[in-house]
Structure formats: structure tokens, C-alpha cells
């Protein structure tokens, strides 16, 4: 197990951050059409516009990555850090 200087587990922080991003993104998608909460879905997407394809004859590998950061996912990250510090 990987422990930081304070004695807390780094994997727990990683999993909490991942959960915060996923739950925040989900909440952002749910509130996209709501009048008062549509600001939670405001964000930016970046990554590859088209996937990169590596054709090796018998093997075709496709590389693609798109990241969408919304206000709700940032709030989810902050909540995950707060929970990690409290636990």
C-alpha cells in the first residue's frame, strides 16, 4: 500500500477524485436542461478531434482521448478532496 507522509492512502485519494469527476459529470448532464441549474453543465471539451489509427496490417490500433471538464465535475473534485481530508 502506498502511504503519503501524513499516513493516508494515495489510492483512496485517487479513487475519491475519480468518483467525484464521474458523479459531477453525471450531475452536469442531468442539469443541462434545467433553467436554474444549467450553469453546472458549462464546460470545455478537449482532446483528439478524430482518433489516431495505427494500421499494422493484421492489427489495427485506434487511439482516442476526449476530456470534458464541467463546473459540476470541478465541484465533485473539490467535494472529494474535502471528504478525503475529513476522513
C-alpha atoms as a PDB file:
ATOM      1  CA  UNK A   1       0.000   0.000   0.000  1.00  0.00           C
ATOM      2  CA  UNK A   2       1.261   3.428  -0.861  1.00  0.00           C
ATOM      3  CA  UNK A   3       1.050   5.864   2.034  1.00  0.00           C
ATOM      4  CA  UNK A   4       1.847   9.556   1.920  1.00  0.00           C
ATOM      5  CA  UNK A   5       3.772  11.464   4.573  1.00  0.00           C
ATOM      6  CA  UNK A   6       0.598  12.100   6.566  1.00  0.00           C
ATOM      7  CA  UNK A   7      -0.154   8.370   6.673  1.00  0.00           C
ATOM      8  CA  UNK A   8      -3.169   8.458   4.349  1.00  0.00           C
ATOM      9  CA  UNK A   9      -3.531   6.130   1.406  1.00  0.00           C
ATOM     10  CA  UNK A  10      -2.874   7.724  -2.006  1.00  0.00           C
ATOM     11  CA  UNK A  11      -5.095   5.175  -3.761  1.00  0.00           C
ATOM     12  CA  UNK A  12      -8.048   6.297  -1.663  1.00  0.00           C
ATOM     13  CA  UNK A  13      -7.499   9.874  -2.829  1.00  0.00           C
ATOM     14  CA  UNK A  14      -7.253   8.735  -6.446  1.00  0.00           C
ATOM     15  CA  UNK A  15     -10.477   6.729  -6.214  1.00  0.00           C
ATOM     16  CA  UNK A  16     -12.305   9.573  -4.455  1.00  0.00           C
ATOM     17  CA  UNK A  17     -11.167  12.030  -7.150  1.00  0.00           C
ATOM     18  CA  UNK A  18     -12.289   9.656  -9.890  1.00  0.00           C
ATOM     19  CA  UNK A  19     -15.674   9.206  -8.211  1.00  0.00           C
ATOM     20  CA  UNK A  20     -16.009  12.981  -7.807  1.00  0.00           C
ATOM     21  CA  UNK A  21     -15.306  13.541 -11.506  1.00  0.00           C
ATOM     22  CA  UNK A  22     -17.772  10.868 -12.618  1.00  0.00           C
ATOM     23  CA  UNK A  23     -20.570  11.906 -10.251  1.00  0.00           C
ATOM     24  CA  UNK A  24     -20.002  15.590 -11.039  1.00  0.00           C
ATOM     25  CA  UNK A  25     -20.138  14.918 -14.771  1.00  0.00           C
ATOM     26  CA  UNK A  26     -23.313  12.901 -14.315  1.00  0.00           C
ATOM     27  CA  UNK A  27     -24.927  15.716 -12.338  1.00  0.00           C
ATOM     28  CA  UNK A  28     -23.830  18.183 -15.020  1.00  0.00           C
ATOM     29  CA  UNK A  29     -25.523  16.107 -17.710  1.00  0.00           C
ATOM     30  CA  UNK A  30     -28.701  15.783 -15.640  1.00  0.00           C
ATOM     31  CA  UNK A  31     -28.960  19.532 -15.047  1.00  0.00           C
ATOM     32  CA  UNK A  32     -28.267  20.524 -18.647  1.00  0.00           C
ATOM     33  CA  UNK A  33     -31.918  21.250 -19.445  1.00  0.00           C
ATOM     34  CA  UNK A  34     -32.943  22.772 -16.093  1.00  0.00           C
ATOM     35  CA  UNK A  35     -33.398  26.536 -16.056  1.00  0.00           C
ATOM     36  CA  UNK A  36     -31.765  27.368 -12.725  1.00  0.00           C
ATOM     37  CA  UNK A  37     -29.038  24.709 -12.774  1.00  0.00           C
ATOM     38  CA  UNK A  38     -27.904  24.722 -16.400  1.00  0.00           C
ATOM     39  CA  UNK A  39     -24.717  26.550 -15.389  1.00  0.00           C
ATOM     40  CA  UNK A  40     -23.446  23.304 -13.834  1.00  0.00           C
ATOM     41  CA  UNK A  41     -23.100  21.763 -17.291  1.00  0.00           C
ATOM     42  CA  UNK A  42     -20.992  24.641 -18.642  1.00  0.00           C
ATOM     43  CA  UNK A  43     -17.546  23.428 -19.536  1.00  0.00           C
ATOM     44  CA  UNK A  44     -14.909  22.702 -22.112  1.00  0.00           C
ATOM     45  CA  UNK A  45     -14.018  19.585 -24.081  1.00  0.00           C
ATOM     46  CA  UNK A  46     -10.557  18.944 -25.421  1.00  0.00           C
ATOM     47  CA  UNK A  47      -8.674  16.053 -26.926  1.00  0.00           C
ATOM     48  CA  UNK A  48      -8.326  14.474 -30.349  1.00  0.00           C
ATOM     49  CA  UNK A  49     -10.933  15.647 -32.868  1.00  0.00           C
ATOM     50  CA  UNK A  50     -10.503  12.393 -34.782  1.00  0.00           C
ATOM     51  CA  UNK A  51      -8.936   9.238 -33.381  1.00  0.00           C
ATOM     52  CA  UNK A  52      -5.412   8.322 -34.461  1.00  0.00           C
ATOM     53  CA  UNK A  53      -5.363   4.960 -36.263  1.00  0.00           C
ATOM     54  CA  UNK A  54      -2.262   2.776 -36.435  1.00  0.00           C
ATOM     55  CA  UNK A  55      -2.712   0.095 -39.110  1.00  0.00           C
ATOM     56  CA  UNK A  56      -0.110  -2.681 -38.863  1.00  0.00           C
ATOM     57  CA  UNK A  57      -1.666  -4.991 -41.433  1.00  0.00           C
ATOM     58  CA  UNK A  58      -3.027  -7.716 -39.187  1.00  0.00           C
ATOM     59  CA  UNK A  59      -3.544  -5.405 -36.222  1.00  0.00           C
ATOM     60  CA  UNK A  60      -5.318  -2.054 -36.181  1.00  0.00           C
ATOM     61  CA  UNK A  61      -4.942   0.116 -33.081  1.00  0.00           C
ATOM     62  CA  UNK A  62      -7.078   3.216 -32.561  1.00  0.00           C
ATOM     63  CA  UNK A  63      -6.003   5.918 -30.110  1.00  0.00           C
ATOM     64  CA  UNK A  64      -8.521   8.486 -28.957  1.00  0.00           C
ATOM     65  CA  UNK A  65      -8.989  10.686 -25.935  1.00  0.00           C
ATOM     66  CA  UNK A  66     -11.542  13.384 -25.161  1.00  0.00           C
ATOM     67  CA  UNK A  67     -11.851  15.056 -21.791  1.00  0.00           C
ATOM     68  CA  UNK A  68     -14.853  17.174 -20.826  1.00  0.00           C
ATOM     69  CA  UNK A  69     -14.491  19.358 -17.761  1.00  0.00           C
ATOM     70  CA  UNK A  70     -17.656  20.987 -16.400  1.00  0.00           C
ATOM     71  CA  UNK A  71     -18.415  23.146 -13.390  1.00  0.00           C
ATOM     72  CA  UNK A  72     -20.167  20.175 -11.756  1.00  0.00           C
ATOM     73  CA  UNK A  73     -17.088  17.956 -12.184  1.00  0.00           C
ATOM     74  CA  UNK A  74     -14.900  20.642 -10.590  1.00  0.00           C
ATOM     75  CA  UNK A  75     -17.337  20.798  -7.656  1.00  0.00           C
ATOM     76  CA  UNK A  76     -17.146  16.983  -7.481  1.00  0.00           C
ATOM     77  CA  UNK A  77     -13.339  17.137  -7.315  1.00  0.00           C
ATOM     78  CA  UNK A  78     -13.470  19.719  -4.532  1.00  0.00           C
ATOM     79  CA  UNK A  79     -16.001  17.606  -2.618  1.00  0.00           C
ATOM     80  CA  UNK A  80     -13.753  14.528  -2.989  1.00  0.00           C
ATOM     81  CA  UNK A  81     -10.760  16.432  -1.600  1.00  0.00           C
ATOM     82  CA  UNK A  82     -12.871  17.695   1.305  1.00  0.00           C
ATOM     83  CA  UNK A  83     -14.089  14.169   2.086  1.00  0.00           C
ATOM     84  CA  UNK A  84     -10.513  12.848   1.900  1.00  0.00           C
ATOM     85  CA  UNK A  85      -9.287  15.475   4.360  1.00  0.00           C
ATOM     86  CA  UNK A  86     -12.129  14.801   6.790  1.00  0.00           C
ATOM     87  CA  UNK A  87     -11.687  11.031   6.809  1.00  0.00           C
END
